[in-house]
C-alpha atoms as a PDB file:
ATOM      1  CA  MET A   1     109.276-239.490 -94.100  1.00  0.00           C
ATOM      2  CA  ILE A   2     109.931-243.150 -94.761  1.00  0.00           C
ATOM      3  CA  LEU A   3     110.521-245.662 -92.533  1.00  0.00           C
ATOM      4  CA  MET A   4     112.183-248.645 -94.187  1.00  0.00           C
ATOM      5  CA  ARG A   5     112.942-252.154 -92.862  1.00  0.00           C
ATOM      6  CA  HIS A   6     116.083-253.612 -95.014  1.00  0.00           C
ATOM      7  CA  GLY A   7     115.223-256.292 -97.497  1.00  0.00           C
ATOM      8  CA  GLU A   8     115.225-260.169 -97.072  1.00  0.00           C
ATOM      9  CA  ALA A   9     118.317-261.250 -95.511  1.00  0.00           C
ATOM     10  CA  GLU A  10     119.965-264.817 -95.765  1.00  0.00           C
ATOM     11  CA  ILE A  11     119.053-266.988 -93.062  1.00  0.00           C
ATOM     12  CA  GLY A  12     122.161-266.845 -90.504  1.00  0.00           C
ATOM     13  CA  ALA A  13     123.294-270.481 -89.839  1.00  0.00           C
ATOM     14  CA  GLY A  14     124.510-270.056 -86.311  1.00  0.00           C
ATOM     15  CA  TYR A  15     128.213-269.262 -88.005  1.00  0.00           C
ATOM     16  CA  GLN A  16     127.371-265.676 -89.155  1.00  0.00           C
ATOM     17  CA  ARG A  17     126.679-262.976 -86.940  1.00  0.00           C
ATOM     18  CA  ASP A  18     123.212-261.156 -87.434  1.00  0.00           C
ATOM     19  CA  PHE A  19     125.281-257.786 -88.286  1.00  0.00           C
ATOM     20  CA  ASP A  20     126.907-259.136 -91.249  1.00  0.00           C
ATOM     21  CA  ARG A  21     124.035-261.022 -92.761  1.00  0.00           C
ATOM     22  CA  LYS A  22     123.754-260.092 -96.466  1.00  0.00           C
ATOM     23  CA  LEU A  23     120.469-259.395 -98.828  1.00  0.00           C
ATOM     24  CA  SER A  24     119.130-263.027-100.087  1.00  0.00           C
ATOM     25  CA  PRO A  25     118.805-263.177-104.104  1.00  0.00           C
ATOM     26  CA  VAL A  26     115.026-262.672-103.716  1.00  0.00           C
ATOM     27  CA  GLY A  27     115.556-259.837-101.001  1.00  0.00           C
ATOM     28  CA  THR A  28     117.774-258.144-103.679  1.00  0.00           C
ATOM     29  CA  TYR A  29     115.450-259.112-106.664  1.00  0.00           C
ATOM     30  CA  LYS A  30     112.318-257.541-104.853  1.00  0.00           C
ATOM     31  CA  LEU A  31     114.542-254.049-104.058  1.00  0.00           C
ATOM     32  CA  GLN A  32     115.234-253.619-107.603  1.00  0.00           C
ATOM     33  CA  ARG A  33     111.689-253.920-108.282  1.00  0.00           C
ATOM     34  CA  LEU A  34     110.788-251.491-105.715  1.00  0.00           C
ATOM     35  CA  ASN A  35     113.732-248.929-106.744  1.00  0.00           C
ATOM     36  CA  LYS A  36     111.902-249.018-110.196  1.00  0.00           C
ATOM     37  CA  VAL A  37     108.278-247.813-108.399  1.00  0.00           C
ATOM     38  CA  LEU A  38     110.095-244.829-106.780  1.00  0.00           C
ATOM     39  CA  GLU A  39     112.247-244.213-109.767  1.00  0.00           C
ATOM     40  CA  GLU A  40     108.941-244.007-111.715  1.00  0.00           C
ATOM     41  CA  ARG A  41     107.336-241.457-109.077  1.00  0.00           C
ATOM     42  CA  LYS A  42     110.197-239.383-108.981  1.00  0.00           C
ATOM     43  CA  PHE A  43     111.204-239.952-105.469  1.00  0.00           C
ATOM     44  CA  HIS A  44     114.067-237.856-103.822  1.00  0.00           C
ATOM     45  CA  LEU A  45     115.693-237.924-100.621  1.00  0.00           C
ATOM     46  CA  ASP A  46     117.361-235.078 -98.475  1.00  0.00           C
ATOM     47  CA  LEU A  47     118.555-237.392 -96.242  1.00  0.00           C
ATOM     48  CA  LEU A  48     119.125-241.011 -95.884  1.00  0.00           C
ATOM     49  CA  LEU A  49     119.473-242.473 -92.321  1.00  0.00           C
ATOM     50  CA  LYS A  50     121.220-246.284 -91.951  1.00  0.00           C
ATOM     51  CA  SER A  51     122.294-248.547 -89.577  1.00  0.00           C
ATOM     52  CA  PRO A  52     125.712-249.858 -90.404  1.00  0.00           C
ATOM     53  CA  SER A  53     124.867-253.802 -90.614  1.00  0.00           C
ATOM     54  CA  ARG A  54     125.782-255.478 -93.633  1.00  0.00           C
ATOM     55  CA  ARG A  55     121.983-256.038 -95.139  1.00  0.00           C
ATOM     56  CA  THR A  56     120.800-252.564 -94.378  1.00  0.00           C
ATOM     57  CA  MET A  57     123.998-250.928 -96.462  1.00  0.00           C
ATOM     58  CA  GLU A  58     123.320-253.396 -99.340  1.00  0.00           C
ATOM     59  CA  THR A  59     119.234-252.385 -99.244  1.00  0.00           C
ATOM     60  CA  ALA A  60     120.258-248.725 -99.712  1.00  0.00           C
ATOM     61  CA  SER A  61     122.621-249.500-102.344  1.00  0.00           C
ATOM     62  CA  VAL A  62     119.745-250.676-104.298  1.00  0.00           C
ATOM     63  CA  ILE A  63     116.928-248.911-103.124  1.00  0.00           C
ATOM     64  CA  THR A  64     118.742-245.921-103.771  1.00  0.00           C
ATOM     65  CA  GLN A  65     120.558-246.696-107.325  1.00  0.00           C
ATOM     66  CA  SER A  66     118.282-244.511-109.392  1.00  0.00           C
ATOM     67  CA  LEU A  67     117.201-242.301-107.131  1.00  0.00           C
ATOM     68  CA  GLU A  68     118.672-238.594-106.173  1.00  0.00           C
ATOM     69  CA  VAL A  69     119.667-238.569-102.619  1.00  0.00           C
ATOM     70  CA  LYS A  70     121.357-235.490-101.352  1.00  0.00           C
ATOM     71  CA  GLU A  71     123.059-237.159 -98.092  1.00  0.00           C
ATOM     72  CA  GLN A  72     123.488-240.164 -96.448  1.00  0.00           C
ATOM     73  CA  GLN A  73     124.357-241.246 -92.811  1.00  0.00           C
ATOM     74  CA  ILE A  74     125.583-244.086 -90.953  1.00  0.00           C
ATOM     75  CA  HIS A  75     124.046-244.249 -87.757  1.00  0.00           C
ATOM     76  CA  SER A  76     124.942-247.326 -85.297  1.00  0.00           C
ATOM     77  CA  SER A  77     122.287-246.123 -82.901  1.00  0.00           C
ATOM     78  CA  ILE A  78     119.751-247.659 -85.390  1.00  0.00           C
ATOM     79  CA  TYR A  79     121.067-251.397 -85.094  1.00  0.00           C
ATOM     80  CA  GLU A  80     119.241-252.856 -82.102  1.00  0.00           C
ATOM     81  CA  SER A  81     117.433-249.627 -81.490  1.00  0.00           C
ATOM     82  CA  SER A  82     114.589-248.508 -79.707  1.00  0.00           C
ATOM     83  CA  VAL A  83     111.712-245.991 -80.166  1.00  0.00           C
ATOM     84  CA  ASP A  84     113.631-243.558 -77.984  1.00  0.00           C
ATOM     85  CA  THR A  85     116.855-243.842 -79.757  1.00  0.00           C
ATOM     86  CA  LEU A  86     115.086-243.513 -83.066  1.00  0.00           C
ATOM     87  CA  LEU A  87     112.661-240.896 -81.795  1.00  0.00           C
ATOM     88  CA  GLY A  88     115.567-238.621 -80.566  1.00  0.00           C
ATOM     89  CA  LEU A  89     117.285-238.942 -83.846  1.00  0.00           C
ATOM     90  CA  ILE A  90     114.898-237.838 -85.778  1.00  0.00           C
ATOM     91  CA  GLN A  91     114.174-235.271 -83.388  1.00  0.00           C
ATOM     92  CA  GLY A  92     117.392-233.663 -83.938  1.00  0.00           C
ATOM     93  CA  LEU A  93     117.422-233.879 -87.635  1.00  0.00           C
ATOM     94  CA  PRO A  94     118.050-229.999 -88.845  1.00  0.00           C
ATOM     95  CA  GLU A  95     114.736-228.716 -90.821  1.00  0.00           C
ATOM     96  CA  GLN A  96     116.112-228.275 -94.265  1.00  0.00           C
ATOM     97  CA  ASN A  97     115.970-232.052 -94.289  1.00  0.00           C
ATOM     98  CA  VAL A  98     112.120-232.565 -95.738  1.00  0.00           C
ATOM     99  CA  GLU A  99     112.553-235.692 -97.397  1.00  0.00           C
ATOM    100  CA  VAL A 100     113.749-238.191 -94.829  1.00  0.00           C
ATOM    101  CA  MET A 101     114.477-242.089 -95.101  1.00  0.00           C
ATOM    102  CA  ILE A 102     115.454-244.260 -92.035  1.00  0.00           C
ATOM    103  CA  ILE A 103     116.278-247.468 -92.980  1.00  0.00           C
ATOM    104  CA  GLY A 104     116.759-250.218 -90.117  1.00  0.00           C
ATOM    105  CA  HIS A 105     115.160-253.328 -88.584  1.00  0.00           C
ATOM    106  CA  ASN A 106     112.524-254.471 -86.511  1.00  0.00           C
ATOM    107  CA  PRO A 107     111.118-254.208 -83.942  1.00  0.00           C
ATOM    108  CA  SER A 108     111.922-251.046 -83.426  1.00  0.00           C
ATOM    109  CA  LEU A 109     111.017-249.540 -87.054  1.00  0.00           C
ATOM    110  CA  THR A 110     107.209-251.320 -86.753  1.00  0.00           C
ATOM    111  CA  SER A 111     107.099-250.007 -83.027  1.00  0.00           C
ATOM    112  CA  LEU A 112     108.048-246.470 -84.172  1.00  0.00           C
ATOM    113  CA  LEU A 113     105.708-246.308 -86.975  1.00  0.00           C
ATOM    114  CA  ALA A 114     102.992-247.531 -84.162  1.00  0.00           C
ATOM    115  CA  TYR A 115     104.051-244.896 -82.134  1.00  0.00           C
ATOM    116  CA  LEU A 116     103.894-242.043 -84.665  1.00  0.00           C
ATOM    117  CA  THR A 117     100.731-243.271 -86.140  1.00  0.00           C
ATOM    118  CA  ASN A 118      98.982-244.865 -83.327  1.00  0.00           C
ATOM    119  CA  ASP A 119      98.499-247.721 -85.980  1.00  0.00           C
ATOM    120  CA  PHE A 120      98.895-250.676 -84.297  1.00  0.00           C
ATOM    121  CA  ASN A 121      97.797-253.125 -87.247  1.00  0.00           C
ATOM    122  CA  LEU A 122     101.054-252.909 -89.251  1.00  0.00           C
ATOM    123  CA  SER A 123     104.058-254.791 -89.183  1.00  0.00           C
ATOM    124  CA  LEU A 124     106.946-254.355 -91.566  1.00  0.00           C
ATOM    125  CA  SER A 125     107.810-257.072 -93.346  1.00  0.00           C
ATOM    126  CA  PRO A 126     111.632-257.485 -95.116  1.00  0.00           C
ATOM    127  CA  GLY A 127     111.230-254.656 -97.633  1.00  0.00           C
ATOM    128  CA  MET A 128     108.630-252.783 -97.051  1.00  0.00           C
ATOM    129  CA  MET A 129     108.255-249.473 -96.326  1.00  0.00           C
ATOM    130  CA  ALA A 130     105.988-246.901 -95.015  1.00  0.00           C
ATOM    131  CA  VAL A 131     105.773-243.402 -96.307  1.00  0.00           C
ATOM    132  CA  LEU A 132     104.375-240.981 -93.172  1.00  0.00           C
ATOM    133  CA  SER A 133     103.658-237.485 -93.295  1.00  0.00           C
ATOM    134  CA  PHE A 134     103.378-234.963 -90.404  1.00  0.00           C
ATOM    135  CA  ASP A 135     101.538-231.311 -89.826  1.00  0.00           C
ATOM    136  CA  LEU A 136     104.055-229.788 -88.131  1.00  0.00           C
ATOM    137  CA  PRO A 137     107.122-227.225 -88.611  1.00  0.00           C
ATOM    138  CA  GLU A 138     110.138-228.719 -86.847  1.00  0.00           C
ATOM    139  CA  TRP A 139     111.064-232.495 -86.516  1.00  0.00           C
ATOM    140  CA  LYS A 140     111.473-231.735 -82.916  1.00  0.00           C
ATOM    141  CA  MET A 141     107.855-231.660 -82.377  1.00  0.00           C
ATOM    142  CA  LEU A 142     107.324-235.520 -83.524  1.00  0.00           C
ATOM    143  CA  SER A 143     105.503-236.810 -80.816  1.00  0.00           C
ATOM    144  CA  LYS A 144     103.004-239.944 -80.343  1.00  0.00           C
ATOM    145  CA  GLY A 145     100.325-240.061 -82.715  1.00  0.00           C
ATOM    146  CA  THR A 146     101.421-236.810 -85.052  1.00  0.00           C
ATOM    147  CA  GLY A 147     102.384-238.778 -88.248  1.00  0.00           C
ATOM    148  CA  TYR A 148      99.973-240.084 -90.746  1.00  0.00           C
ATOM    149  CA  LEU A 149     100.668-243.208 -93.041  1.00  0.00           C
ATOM    150  CA  ASN A 150     100.203-242.161 -96.527  1.00  0.00           C
ATOM    151  CA  GLU A 151     101.017-245.815 -98.380  1.00  0.00           C
ATOM    152  CA  VAL A 152     103.057-248.899 -97.525  1.00  0.00           C
ATOM    153  CA  LEU A 153     105.170-249.802-100.620  1.00  0.00           C
ATOM    154  CA  GLN A 154     106.577-253.692-101.211  1.00  0.00           C
END
Protein backbone atom coordinates (compact mmCIF):
# COMPACT_ATOMS: atom_id res chain seq x y z
CA MET A 1 0.00 0.00 0.00
CA ILE A 2 1.10 3.53 -0.73
CA LEU A 3 0.05 6.50 1.36
CA MET A 4 0.63 9.73 -0.55
CA ARG A 5 0.09 13.31 0.43
CA HIS A 6 -1.05 15.57 -2.40
CA GLY A 7 1.60 17.65 -4.15
CA GLU A 8 2.58 21.15 -3.09
CA ALA A 9 -0.40 23.46 -3.58
CA GLU A 10 -0.69 27.17 -4.16
CA ILE A 11 -1.01 29.21 -1.01
CA GLY A 12 -4.60 29.86 -0.06
CA ALA A 13 -4.86 33.63 -0.15
CA GLY A 14 -8.09 33.89 1.80
CA TYR A 15 -10.21 34.36 -1.31
CA GLN A 16 -10.03 30.70 -2.18
CA ARG A 17 -11.56 27.72 -0.39
CA ASP A 18 -8.97 25.19 0.75
CA PHE A 19 -10.81 22.52 -1.22
CA ASP A 20 -10.25 24.45 -4.49
CA ARG A 21 -6.52 25.07 -4.17
CA LYS A 22 -4.57 23.79 -7.18
CA LEU A 23 -1.04 22.44 -7.44
CA SER A 24 1.77 24.98 -7.61
CA PRO A 25 4.13 24.84 -10.62
CA VAL A 26 6.87 23.47 -8.32
CA GLY A 27 4.47 20.87 -6.95
CA THR A 28 3.56 19.74 -10.47
CA TYR A 29 7.23 19.54 -11.49
CA LYS A 30 8.15 17.42 -8.45
CA LEU A 31 5.25 15.04 -9.12
CA GLN A 32 6.34 14.66 -12.75
CA ARG A 33 9.82 13.67 -11.55
CA LEU A 34 8.31 11.19 -9.10
CA ASN A 35 6.14 9.75 -11.87
CA LYS A 36 9.30 9.01 -13.88
CA VAL A 37 10.79 7.13 -10.91
CA LEU A 38 7.61 5.08 -10.50
CA GLU A 39 7.54 4.37 -14.24
CA GLU A 40 11.17 3.16 -14.18
CA ARG A 41 10.30 0.85 -11.29
CA LYS A 42 7.25 -0.41 -13.19
CA PHE A 43 4.82 0.51 -10.42
CA HIS A 44 1.22 -0.48 -11.08
CA LEU A 45 -1.94 -0.07 -9.04
CA ASP A 46 -5.02 -2.20 -8.64
CA LEU A 47 -6.84 0.64 -6.94
CA LEU A 48 -6.28 4.35 -6.41
CA LEU A 49 -8.39 6.05 -3.74
CA LYS A 50 -8.35 9.84 -3.73
CA SER A 51 -9.91 12.85 -2.12
CA PRO A 52 -12.10 15.03 -4.35
CA SER A 53 -10.12 18.22 -3.60
CA ARG A 54 -8.62 19.92 -6.65
CA ARG A 55 -4.98 19.49 -5.61
CA THR A 56 -5.52 15.79 -4.87
CA MET A 57 -7.23 15.17 -8.20
CA GLU A 58 -4.38 16.99 -9.97
CA THR A 59 -1.82 14.96 -8.00
CA ALA A 60 -3.48 11.71 -9.05
CA SER A 61 -3.51 12.80 -12.69
CA VAL A 62 0.20 13.68 -12.74
CA ILE A 63 1.47 10.79 -10.61
CA THR A 64 -0.35 8.12 -12.64
CA GLN A 65 0.36 9.62 -16.06
CA SER A 66 2.49 6.68 -17.21
CA LEU A 67 1.35 4.00 -14.74
CA GLU A 68 -1.12 1.19 -15.16
CA VAL A 69 -4.05 1.86 -12.82
CA LYS A 70 -6.90 -0.65 -12.98
CA GLU A 71 -9.43 1.40 -11.01
CA GLN A 72 -9.72 4.86 -9.47
CA GLN A 73 -12.26 5.93 -6.87
CA ILE A 74 -13.03 9.33 -5.39
CA HIS A 75 -14.00 9.27 -1.70
CA SER A 76 -15.17 12.49 -0.10
CA SER A 77 -14.40 10.94 3.29
CA ILE A 78 -10.65 11.22 2.54
CA TYR A 79 -10.85 15.03 2.65
CA GLU A 80 -10.66 16.26 6.28
CA SER A 81 -10.49 12.64 7.39
CA SER A 82 -9.44 10.79 10.52
CA VAL A 83 -7.40 7.66 11.13
CA ASP A 84 -10.59 5.73 11.94
CA THR A 85 -12.26 6.82 8.71
CA LEU A 86 -9.23 5.94 6.55
CA LEU A 87 -8.74 2.65 8.37
CA GLY A 88 -12.40 1.74 7.82
CA LEU A 89 -12.07 2.54 4.13
CA ILE A 90 -9.01 0.29 3.79
CA GLN A 91 -10.45 -2.53 5.89
CA GLY A 92 -13.47 -2.62 3.58
CA LEU A 93 -11.41 -3.17 0.43
CA PRO A 94 -11.94 -6.35 -1.60
CA GLU A 95 -8.99 -8.74 -1.31
CA GLN A 96 -8.26 -8.70 -5.05
CA ASN A 97 -6.94 -5.15 -4.62
CA VAL A 98 -3.35 -5.86 -3.67
CA GLU A 99 -1.55 -2.73 -4.89
CA VAL A 100 -3.48 0.19 -3.40
CA MET A 101 -2.63 3.89 -3.23
CA ILE A 102 -4.41 6.53 -1.19
CA ILE A 103 -3.85 10.18 -2.11
CA GLY A 104 -5.04 12.48 0.62
CA HIS A 105 -4.19 15.08 3.20
CA ASN A 106 -2.44 15.71 6.48
CA PRO A 107 -2.79 15.32 9.37
CA SER A 108 -4.81 12.14 8.75
CA LEU A 109 -2.35 10.45 6.37
CA THR A 110 0.66 10.98 8.62
CA SER A 111 -1.41 9.85 11.61
CA LEU A 112 -2.47 6.71 9.72
CA LEU A 113 1.16 6.03 8.78
CA ALA A 114 2.20 6.30 12.44
CA TYR A 115 -0.73 4.13 13.56
CA LEU A 116 0.02 1.36 11.08
CA THR A 117 3.82 1.29 11.53
CA ASN A 118 4.32 2.53 15.10
CA ASP A 119 6.81 5.00 13.59
CA PHE A 120 6.01 8.44 14.93
CA ASN A 121 9.13 10.13 13.49
CA LEU A 122 7.92 10.66 9.93
CA SER A 123 5.61 13.37 8.66
CA LEU A 124 4.44 13.27 5.05
CA SER A 125 5.38 16.48 3.26
CA PRO A 126 3.51 17.56 0.13
CA GLY A 127 4.19 15.13 -2.71
CA MET A 128 5.72 12.52 -0.41
CA MET A 129 4.67 8.88 -0.48
CA ALA A 130 5.25 6.08 2.00
CA VAL A 131 5.34 2.54 0.63
CA LEU A 132 4.07 0.04 3.20
CA SER A 133 3.77 -3.72 3.34
CA PHE A 134 1.66 -5.95 5.53
CA ASP A 135 2.00 -9.62 6.40
CA LEU A 136 -1.76 -10.09 6.53
CA PRO A 137 -4.09 -12.17 4.34
CA GLU A 138 -6.99 -9.67 4.39
CA TRP A 139 -7.36 -5.89 4.50
CA LYS A 140 -9.90 -6.19 7.31
CA MET A 141 -7.10 -7.45 9.60
CA LEU A 142 -5.23 -4.14 9.37
CA SER A 143 -4.66 -2.68 12.82
CA LYS A 144 -2.17 -0.75 14.94
CA GLY A 145 1.44 -1.70 14.24
CA THR A 146 0.73 -4.26 11.50
CA GLY A 147 2.51 -2.33 8.75
CA TYR A 148 6.13 -2.11 7.70
CA LEU A 149 7.57 1.03 6.13
CA ASN A 150 9.51 -0.13 3.05
CA GLU A 151 10.55 3.25 1.67
CA VAL A 152 9.68 6.88 1.34
CA LEU A 153 9.70 8.59 -2.05
CA GLN A 154 9.44 12.26 -2.90
